[in-house]
């Protein structure tokens, strides 16, 4: 109306047809030509014209958004509950592992005869009750069965240990999948008891399968490195030294990069490789490794630590093999000798008895 009555002719409608079109637009809710064509104006006119469909669409959208928010909150809540439940299971499994470690330490010093009788009876009772106690908690049941199996192995009850390890492996495979580190540990434990029972082919196949999974999915996990070491031992026993050496080197590289040169596991891996190299006649590299081990042991643990003495003994044996010691190392009462390459001297320490290699 304002444009049709404007004082200046330039501000009026150019023709009656344009005015009529604007009147029609007004009646149908379309944008007017007389208005400035802004985005907000066009949107307002469109929304008003289609206000009923827009209102329905907004209502549907609000409903969908509300359902989405509700579903998201529900998923978050259930996920939090699942995480809490999983953490609770983990704590129970850790308790079982701690109990196993405690029992193992106690049993180490127990009288063998009373230990076998009393503990075997207790383990038999616990093994029968496990399935009922943890019927709805398969991960805890698997952890407890693994601990019981390890204790059976300690008591040289390999048949009973095998039963527990097979059950633990099946449970962990179902709950965690075959690529989980706990499942691989159960597989390794079962393979170990099978090896002890003389089922070498089945045990080796299980060790190798576990190693293949570990190298593909968990290359730096301790269980993979243990499997790598175990397969290397089997290869050495079979005389397949080239493949064994490759595994030893790979294991050592992983230990160095993941744990550092001074970590006990790294030093064990270095010692294993040095022993293999010594057996294959690669004495220069074996000696270099033995010297490096001894240097680290002395700097970290001191000259009198059993680990240091054992490292010195290994170096002394290698030097004796190379003819660089003045006299052989005694088998029953051995000398721990270390060669000082810088001063060209030999220092000799005496120690009665031979330490248990498993401690090193």
Foldseek 3Di string as FASTA:
>chain_A
DCQCPPPDPVSHDPDVVLVVVQVVCVVQLQDGPNDDDDPVRRVVSVCVNVVPVVVVVVVVVVVVVVVVVVVVVVVVVVVVVVVVVVVVLVVLLVVLVVVLVVVVVVLVPDDLVVCLVVVVVVLVVCVVCLCVVQVPPLQSSLSNLQSSLVVCVVNVVLVSSLVSLVSSLVSCCVVPNCLDLSNLVSLLSNLVSCVVVVVPVVSLVSLVVSLVSCVVRPVLDPSNLVSLQVNLVVCVVVVVLVVSLVSLVSSLVSCCVPPNCLDPVNLVSLQVNLVSCVVVPVLVSSLVSLVVSLVSCCVPPNCPDPSNQVSQQVNVQSCVVVVNDPDDADDQWGWRWHADPVVRDIDIDTDGGDDDVVVD
